[in-house]
């Protein structure tokens, strides 16, 4: 199976539009005004990770050998 791709349509290692139009001064201003949010999000993340870890410590592990084998086999069909 041969595919014809026009090289001019490829944008390899080029800048995307949102990168070209990025206003770093506006982004810096927003970060200076909202730096507290990163600590709040980080704290919620830590509580979530360690909370789930504590909860899952008592759970029985899933047996995923058959579903993962089927998934891997199905991926080979479409390659």
PDB file of N, CA and C in Angstrom:
ATOM      1  N   UNK A   1       0.844  -1.164   0.000  1.00  0.00           N
ATOM      2  CA  UNK A   1       0.000   0.000   0.000  1.00  0.00           C
ATOM      3  C   UNK A   1       0.898   1.238   0.000  1.00  0.00           C
ATOM      4  N   UNK A   2       0.698   2.084  -0.959  1.00  0.00           N
ATOM      5  CA  UNK A   2       1.526   3.274  -1.103  1.00  0.00           C
ATOM      6  C   UNK A   2       0.681   4.514  -0.856  1.00  0.00           C
ATOM      7  N   UNK A   3       1.195   5.403  -0.076  1.00  0.00           N
ATOM      8  CA  UNK A   3       0.482   6.655   0.182  1.00  0.00           C
ATOM      9  C   UNK A   3       1.274   7.802  -0.405  1.00  0.00           C
ATOM     10  N   UNK A   4       0.569   8.701  -1.019  1.00  0.00           N
ATOM     11  CA  UNK A   4       1.200   9.880  -1.596  1.00  0.00           C
ATOM     12  C   UNK A   4       0.925  11.072  -0.691  1.00  0.00           C
ATOM     13  N   UNK A   5       1.983  11.602  -0.117  1.00  0.00           N
ATOM     14  CA  UNK A   5       1.857  12.745   0.777  1.00  0.00           C
ATOM     15  C   UNK A   5       2.660  13.883   0.181  1.00  0.00           C
ATOM     16  N   UNK A   6       2.016  15.013   0.073  1.00  0.00           N
ATOM     17  CA  UNK A   6       2.680  16.206  -0.434  1.00  0.00           C
ATOM     18  C   UNK A   6       3.591  16.753   0.668  1.00  0.00           C
ATOM     19  N   UNK A   7       4.890  16.826   0.427  1.00  0.00           N
ATOM     20  CA  UNK A   7       5.808  17.309   1.471  1.00  0.00           C
ATOM     21  C   UNK A   7       5.491  18.716   1.950  1.00  0.00           C
ATOM     22  N   UNK A   8       4.851  19.528   1.140  1.00  0.00           N
ATOM     23  CA  UNK A   8       4.530  20.889   1.565  1.00  0.00           C
ATOM     24  C   UNK A   8       3.424  20.900   2.620  1.00  0.00           C
ATOM     25  N   UNK A   9       2.667  19.804   2.741  1.00  0.00           N
ATOM     26  CA  UNK A   9       1.608  19.723   3.739  1.00  0.00           C
ATOM     27  C   UNK A   9       2.143  19.317   5.114  1.00  0.00           C
ATOM     28  N   UNK A  10       3.344  18.791   5.151  1.00  0.00           N
ATOM     29  CA  UNK A  10       3.927  18.367   6.416  1.00  0.00           C
ATOM     30  C   UNK A  10       4.523  19.564   7.142  1.00  0.00           C
ATOM     31  N   UNK A  11       4.308  19.600   8.451  1.00  0.00           N
ATOM     32  CA  UNK A  11       4.846  20.684   9.254  1.00  0.00           C
ATOM     33  C   UNK A  11       5.748  20.066  10.321  1.00  0.00           C
ATOM     34  N   UNK A  12       6.839  19.452   9.881  1.00  0.00           N
ATOM     35  CA  UNK A  12       7.733  18.780  10.800  1.00  0.00           C
ATOM     36  C   UNK A  12       8.612  19.790  11.527  1.00  0.00           C
ATOM     37  N   UNK A  13       8.617  19.727  12.828  1.00  0.00           N
ATOM     38  CA  UNK A  13       9.444  20.562  13.680  1.00  0.00           C
ATOM     39  C   UNK A  13       9.220  22.051  13.466  1.00  0.00           C
ATOM     40  N   UNK A  14       8.073  22.411  12.989  1.00  0.00           N
ATOM     41  CA  UNK A  14       7.746  23.819  12.812  1.00  0.00           C
ATOM     42  C   UNK A  14       6.915  24.323  13.978  1.00  0.00           C
ATOM     43  N   UNK A  15       6.788  25.619  14.067  1.00  0.00           N
ATOM     44  CA  UNK A  15       5.990  26.223  15.129  1.00  0.00           C
ATOM     45  C   UNK A  15       4.520  26.208  14.733  1.00  0.00           C
ATOM     46  N   UNK A  16       3.685  25.884  15.689  1.00  0.00           N
ATOM     47  CA  UNK A  16       2.249  25.933  15.467  1.00  0.00           C
ATOM     48  C   UNK A  16       1.758  27.371  15.585  1.00  0.00           C
ATOM     49  N   UNK A  17       0.521  27.592  15.142  1.00  0.00           N
ATOM     50  CA  UNK A  17      -0.027  28.947  15.171  1.00  0.00           C
ATOM     51  C   UNK A  17      -0.094  29.506  16.586  1.00  0.00           C
ATOM     52  N   UNK A  18      -0.503  28.679  17.551  1.00  0.00           N
ATOM     53  CA  UNK A  18      -0.605  29.197  18.918  1.00  0.00           C
ATOM     54  C   UNK A  18       0.772  29.540  19.484  1.00  0.00           C
ATOM     55  N   UNK A  19       1.821  28.901  18.969  1.00  0.00           N
ATOM     56  CA  UNK A  19       3.165  29.246  19.405  1.00  0.00           C
ATOM     57  C   UNK A  19       3.642  30.550  18.774  1.00  0.00           C
ATOM     58  N   UNK A  20       3.274  30.744  17.535  1.00  0.00           N
ATOM     59  CA  UNK A  20       3.668  31.973  16.844  1.00  0.00           C
ATOM     60  C   UNK A  20       2.970  33.191  17.433  1.00  0.00           C
ATOM     61  N   UNK A  21       1.739  33.013  17.897  1.00  0.00           N
ATOM     62  CA  UNK A  21       0.945  34.125  18.406  1.00  0.00           C
ATOM     63  C   UNK A  21       0.963  34.224  19.932  1.00  0.00           C
ATOM     64  N   UNK A  22       1.893  33.540  20.583  1.00  0.00           N
ATOM     65  CA  UNK A  22       1.928  33.520  22.044  1.00  0.00           C
ATOM     66  C   UNK A  22       2.413  34.859  22.589  1.00  0.00           C
ATOM     67  N   UNK A  23       1.640  35.417  23.488  1.00  0.00           N
ATOM     68  CA  UNK A  23       1.989  36.696  24.110  1.00  0.00           C
ATOM     69  C   UNK A  23       2.613  36.395  25.471  1.00  0.00           C
ATOM     70  N   UNK A  24       3.940  36.398  25.543  1.00  0.00           N
ATOM     71  CA  UNK A  24       4.621  36.016  26.781  1.00  0.00           C
ATOM     72  C   UNK A  24       4.428  37.037  27.894  1.00  0.00           C
ATOM     73  N   UNK A  25       4.246  38.289  27.566  1.00  0.00           N
ATOM     74  CA  UNK A  25       4.031  39.298  28.607  1.00  0.00           C
ATOM     75  C   UNK A  25       2.676  39.100  29.293  1.00  0.00           C
ATOM     76  N   UNK A  26       1.665  38.789  28.496  1.00  0.00           N
ATOM     77  CA  UNK A  26       0.338  38.522  29.061  1.00  0.00           C
ATOM     78  C   UNK A  26       0.347  37.249  29.901  1.00  0.00           C
ATOM     79  N   UNK A  27       1.052  36.228  29.426  1.00  0.00           N
ATOM     80  CA  UNK A  27       1.143  34.972  30.175  1.00  0.00           C
ATOM     81  C   UNK A  27       1.882  35.183  31.494  1.00  0.00           C
ATOM     82  N   UNK A  28       2.952  35.955  31.457  1.00  0.00           N
ATOM     83  CA  UNK A  28       3.704  36.231  32.688  1.00  0.00           C
ATOM     84  C   UNK A  28       2.845  37.002  33.692  1.00  0.00           C
ATOM     85  N   UNK A  29       2.081  37.965  33.212  1.00  0.00           N
ATOM     86  CA  UNK A  29       1.191  38.734  34.078  1.00  0.00           C
ATOM     87  C   UNK A  29       0.158  37.810  34.726  1.00  0.00           C
ATOM     88  N   UNK A  30      -0.415  36.914  33.930  1.00  0.00           N
ATOM     89  CA  UNK A  30      -1.402  35.976  34.469  1.00  0.00           C
ATOM     90  C   UNK A  30      -0.769  35.081  35.533  1.00  0.00           C
ATOM     91  N   UNK A  31       0.447  34.598  35.268  1.00  0.00           N
ATOM     92  CA  UNK A  31       1.122  33.731  36.236  1.00  0.00           C
ATOM     93  C   UNK A  31       1.448  34.479  37.534  1.00  0.00           C
ATOM     94  N   UNK A  32       1.838  35.737  37.423  1.00  0.00           N
ATOM     95  CA  UNK A  32       2.127  36.521  38.624  1.00  0.00           C
ATOM     96  C   UNK A  32       0.869  36.750  39.458  1.00  0.00           C
ATOM     97  N   UNK A  33      -0.271  36.862  38.795  1.00  0.00           N
ATOM     98  CA  UNK A  33      -1.530  37.081  39.504  1.00  0.00           C
ATOM     99  C   UNK A  33      -2.131  35.794  40.062  1.00  0.00           C
ATOM    100  N   UNK A  34      -1.777  34.635  39.502  1.00  0.00           N
ATOM    101  CA  UNK A  34      -2.430  33.372  39.861  1.00  0.00           C
ATOM    102  C   UNK A  34      -1.462  32.295  40.339  1.00  0.00           C
ATOM    103  N   UNK A  35      -0.325  32.665  40.918  1.00  0.00           N
ATOM    104  CA  UNK A  35       0.663  31.676  41.330  1.00  0.00           C
ATOM    105  C   UNK A  35       0.131  30.758  42.422  1.00  0.00           C
ATOM    106  N   UNK A  36      -0.836  31.221  43.202  1.00  0.00           N
ATOM    107  CA  UNK A  36      -1.373  30.399  44.293  1.00  0.00           C
ATOM    108  C   UNK A  36      -2.076  29.155  43.762  1.00  0.00           C
ATOM    109  N   UNK A  37      -2.641  29.252  42.572  1.00  0.00           N
ATOM    110  CA  UNK A  37      -3.393  28.121  42.007  1.00  0.00           C
ATOM    111  C   UNK A  37      -2.509  26.900  41.817  1.00  0.00           C
ATOM    112  N   UNK A  38      -1.227  27.099  41.498  1.00  0.00           N
ATOM    113  CA  UNK A  38      -0.342  25.948  41.305  1.00  0.00           C
ATOM    114  C   UNK A  38      -0.161  25.174  42.607  1.00  0.00           C
ATOM    115  N   UNK A  39      -0.092  25.881  43.738  1.00  0.00           N
ATOM    116  CA  UNK A  39       0.036  25.202  45.029  1.00  0.00           C
ATOM    117  C   UNK A  39      -1.254  24.469  45.391  1.00  0.00           C
ATOM    118  N   UNK A  40      -2.389  25.076  45.113  1.00  0.00           N
ATOM    119  CA  UNK A  40      -3.675  24.435  45.399  1.00  0.00           C
ATOM    120  C   UNK A  40      -3.835  23.176  44.561  1.00  0.00           C
ATOM    121  N   UNK A  41      -3.541  23.274  43.272  1.00  0.00           N
ATOM    122  CA  UNK A  41      -3.659  22.109  42.384  1.00  0.00           C
ATOM    123  C   UNK A  41      -2.669  21.021  42.786  1.00  0.00           C
ATOM    124  N   UNK A  42      -1.445  21.413  43.138  1.00  0.00           N
ATOM    125  CA  UNK A  42      -0.451  20.440  43.589  1.00  0.00           C
ATOM    126  C   UNK A  42      -0.882  19.724  44.857  1.00  0.00           C
ATOM    127  N   UNK A  43      -1.460  20.461  45.800  1.00  0.00           N
ATOM    128  CA  UNK A  43      -1.936  19.876  47.054  1.00  0.00           C
ATOM    129  C   UNK A  43      -3.084  18.897  46.790  1.00  0.00           C
ATOM    130  N   UNK A  44      -4.019  19.269  45.934  1.00  0.00           N
ATOM    131  CA  UNK A  44      -5.127  18.375  45.576  1.00  0.00           C
ATOM    132  C   UNK A  44      -4.597  17.120  44.890  1.00  0.00           C
ATOM    133  N   UNK A  45      -3.587  17.285  44.032  1.00  0.00           N
ATOM    134  CA  UNK A  45      -2.975  16.143  43.348  1.00  0.00           C
ATOM    135  C   UNK A  45      -2.364  15.178  44.361  1.00  0.00           C
ATOM    136  N   UNK A  46      -1.604  15.706  45.314  1.00  0.00           N
ATOM    137  CA  UNK A  46      -0.973  14.842  46.311  1.00  0.00           C
ATOM    138  C   UNK A  46      -2.010  14.107  47.157  1.00  0.00           C
ATOM    139  N   UNK A  47      -3.045  14.798  47.572  1.00  0.00           N
ATOM    140  CA  UNK A  47      -4.107  14.157  48.350  1.00  0.00           C
ATOM    141  C   UNK A  47      -4.767  13.052  47.527  1.00  0.00           C
ATOM    142  N   UNK A  48      -5.009  13.322  46.269  1.00  0.00           N
ATOM    143  CA  UNK A  48      -5.636  12.321  45.392  1.00  0.00           C
ATOM    144  C   UNK A  48      -4.742  11.099  45.221  1.00  0.00           C
ATOM    145  N   UNK A  49      -3.457  11.303  44.904  1.00  0.00           N
ATOM    146  CA  UNK A  49      -2.547  10.176  44.668  1.00  0.00           C
ATOM    147  C   UNK A  49      -2.396   9.323  45.924  1.00  0.00           C
ATOM    148  N   UNK A  50      -2.088   9.961  47.048  1.00  0.00           N
ATOM    149  CA  UNK A  50      -1.875   9.176  48.268  1.00  0.00           C
ATOM    150  C   UNK A  50      -3.184   8.636  48.835  1.00  0.00           C
ATOM    151  N   UNK A  51      -4.285   9.338  48.617  1.00  0.00           N
ATOM    152  CA  UNK A  51      -5.585   8.835  49.055  1.00  0.00           C
ATOM    153  C   UNK A  51      -5.992   7.588  48.287  1.00  0.00           C
ATOM    154  N   UNK A  52      -5.820   7.611  46.990  1.00  0.00           N
ATOM    155  CA  UNK A  52      -6.147   6.427  46.176  1.00  0.00           C
ATOM    156  C   UNK A  52      -5.203   5.285  46.515  1.00  0.00           C
ATOM    157  N   UNK A  53      -3.929   5.599  46.731  1.00  0.00           N
ATOM    158  CA  UNK A  53      -2.961   4.561  47.101  1.00  0.00           C
ATOM    159  C   UNK A  53      -3.362   3.892  48.421  1.00  0.00           C
ATOM    160  N   UNK A  54      -3.781   4.675  49.371  1.00  0.00           N
ATOM    161  CA  UNK A  54      -4.223   4.135  50.666  1.00  0.00           C
ATOM    162  C   UNK A  54      -5.473   3.276  50.488  1.00  0.00           C
ATOM    163  N   UNK A  55      -6.406   3.740  49.674  1.00  0.00           N
ATOM    164  CA  UNK A  55      -7.643   2.998  49.423  1.00  0.00           C
ATOM    165  C   UNK A  55      -7.365   1.690  48.685  1.00  0.00           C
ATOM    166  N   UNK A  56      -6.475   1.716  47.705  1.00  0.00           N
ATOM    167  CA  UNK A  56      -6.217   0.535  46.877  1.00  0.00           C
ATOM    168  C   UNK A  56      -5.334  -0.502  47.579  1.00  0.00           C
ATOM    169  N   UNK A  57      -4.703  -0.128  48.673  1.00  0.00           N
ATOM    170  CA  UNK A  57      -3.844  -1.063  49.402  1.00  0.00           C
ATOM    171  C   UNK A  57      -4.626  -2.294  49.861  1.00  0.00           C
ATOM    172  N   UNK A  58      -5.898  -2.120  50.173  1.00  0.00           N
ATOM    173  CA  UNK A  58      -6.736  -3.213  50.677  1.00  0.00           C
ATOM    174  C   UNK A  58      -7.462  -3.965  49.552  1.00  0.00           C
ATOM    175  N   UNK A  59      -7.374  -3.487  48.336  1.00  0.00           N
ATOM    176  CA  UNK A  59      -8.113  -4.095  47.227  1.00  0.00           C
ATOM    177  C   UNK A  59      -7.336  -5.256  46.605  1.00  0.00           C
ATOM    178  N   UNK A  60      -8.074  -6.200  46.057  1.00  0.00           N
ATOM    179  CA  UNK A  60      -7.488  -7.310  45.321  1.00  0.00           C
ATOM    180  C   UNK A  60      -7.056  -6.833  43.944  1.00  0.00           C
ATOM    181  N   UNK A  61      -5.894  -7.248  43.441  1.00  0.00           N
ATOM    182  CA  UNK A  61      -5.456  -6.795  42.110  1.00  0.00           C
ATOM    183  C   UNK A  61      -6.354  -7.358  41.005  1.00  0.00           C
ATOM    184  N   UNK A  62      -6.488  -6.583  39.938  1.00  0.00           N
ATOM    185  CA  UNK A  62      -7.263  -7.032  38.787  1.00  0.00           C
ATOM    186  C   UNK A  62      -6.500  -8.094  38.022  1.00  0.00           C
ATOM    187  N   UNK A  63      -7.224  -9.013  37.415  1.00  0.00           N
ATOM    188  CA  UNK A  63      -6.619 -10.013  36.537  1.00  0.00           C
ATOM    189  C   UNK A  63      -6.853  -9.546  35.101  1.00  0.00           C
ATOM    190  N   UNK A  64      -5.825  -8.946  34.517  1.00  0.00           N
ATOM    191  CA  UNK A  64      -5.974  -8.347  33.187  1.00  0.00           C
ATOM    192  C   UNK A  64      -5.204  -9.085  32.099  1.00  0.00           C
ATOM    193  N   UNK A  65      -4.727 -10.276  32.379  1.00  0.00           N
ATOM    194  CA  UNK A  65      -3.922 -10.992  31.392  1.00  0.00           C
ATOM    195  C   UNK A  65      -4.713 -11.259  30.106  1.00  0.00           C
ATOM    196  N   UNK A  66      -5.932 -11.758  30.214  1.00  0.00           N
ATOM    197  CA  UNK A  66      -6.731 -12.083  29.022  1.00  0.00           C
ATOM    198  C   UNK A  66      -7.127 -10.817  28.253  1.00  0.00           C
ATOM    199  N   UNK A  67      -7.682  -9.780  28.907  1.00  0.00           N
ATOM    200  CA  UNK A  67      -8.031  -8.580  28.135  1.00  0.00           C
ATOM    201  C   UNK A  67      -6.820  -7.918  27.471  1.00  0.00           C
ATOM    202  N   UNK A  68      -5.678  -7.889  28.151  1.00  0.00           N
ATOM    203  CA  UNK A  68      -4.494  -7.276  27.552  1.00  0.00           C
ATOM    204  C   UNK A  68      -3.926  -8.108  26.410  1.00  0.00           C
ATOM    205  N   UNK A  69      -4.043  -9.416  26.515  1.00  0.00           N
ATOM    206  CA  UNK A  69      -3.616 -10.281  25.411  1.00  0.00           C
ATOM    207  C   UNK A  69      -4.504 -10.050  24.195  1.00  0.00           C
ATOM    208  N   UNK A  70      -5.808  -9.967  24.405  1.00  0.00           N
ATOM    209  CA  UNK A  70      -6.728  -9.682  23.296  1.00  0.00           C
ATOM    210  C   UNK A  70      -6.458  -8.308  22.698  1.00  0.00           C
ATOM    211  N   UNK A  71      -6.190  -7.338  23.534  1.00  0.00           N
ATOM    212  CA  UNK A  71      -5.885  -5.979  23.057  1.00  0.00           C
ATOM    213  C   UNK A  71      -4.618  -5.991  22.195  1.00  0.00           C
ATOM    214  N   UNK A  72      -3.581  -6.662  22.654  1.00  0.00           N
ATOM    215  CA  UNK A  72      -2.328  -6.728  21.903  1.00  0.00           C
ATOM    216  C   UNK A  72      -2.551  -7.436  20.563  1.00  0.00           C
ATOM    217  N   UNK A  73      -3.314  -8.506  20.593  1.00  0.00           N
ATOM    218  CA  UNK A  73      -3.589  -9.229  19.357  1.00  0.00           C
ATOM    219  C   UNK A  73      -4.376  -8.355  18.384  1.00  0.00           C
ATOM    220  N   UNK A  74      -5.352  -7.618  18.896  1.00  0.00           N
ATOM    221  CA  UNK A  74      -6.145  -6.767  18.005  1.00  0.00           C
ATOM    222  C   UNK A  74      -5.287  -5.653  17.401  1.00  0.00           C
ATOM    223  N   UNK A  75      -4.281  -5.190  18.133  1.00  0.00           N
ATOM    224  CA  UNK A  75      -3.386  -4.167  17.570  1.00  0.00           C
ATOM    225  C   UNK A  75      -2.553  -4.731  16.433  1.00  0.00           C
ATOM    226  N   UNK A  76      -2.203  -6.005  16.497  1.00  0.00           N
ATOM    227  CA  UNK A  76      -1.409  -6.604  15.415  1.00  0.00           C
ATOM    228  C   UNK A  76      -2.240  -6.740  14.140  1.00  0.00           C
ATOM    229  N   UNK A  77      -3.542  -6.836  14.262  1.00  0.00           N
ATOM    230  CA  UNK A  77      -4.390  -6.972  13.079  1.00  0.00           C
ATOM    231  C   UNK A  77      -4.430  -5.690  12.257  1.00  0.00           C
ATOM    232  N   UNK A  78      -4.286  -4.558  12.897  1.00  0.00           N
ATOM    233  CA  UNK A  78      -4.400  -3.278  12.211  1.00  0.00           C
ATOM    234  C   UNK A  78      -3.040  -2.675  11.860  1.00  0.00           C
ATOM    235  N   UNK A  79      -1.994  -3.371  12.054  1.00  0.00           N
ATOM    236  CA  UNK A  79      -0.658  -2.854  11.757  1.00  0.00           C
ATOM    237  C   UNK A  79      -0.297  -3.067  10.338  1.00  0.00           C
TER     238      UNK A  79
END
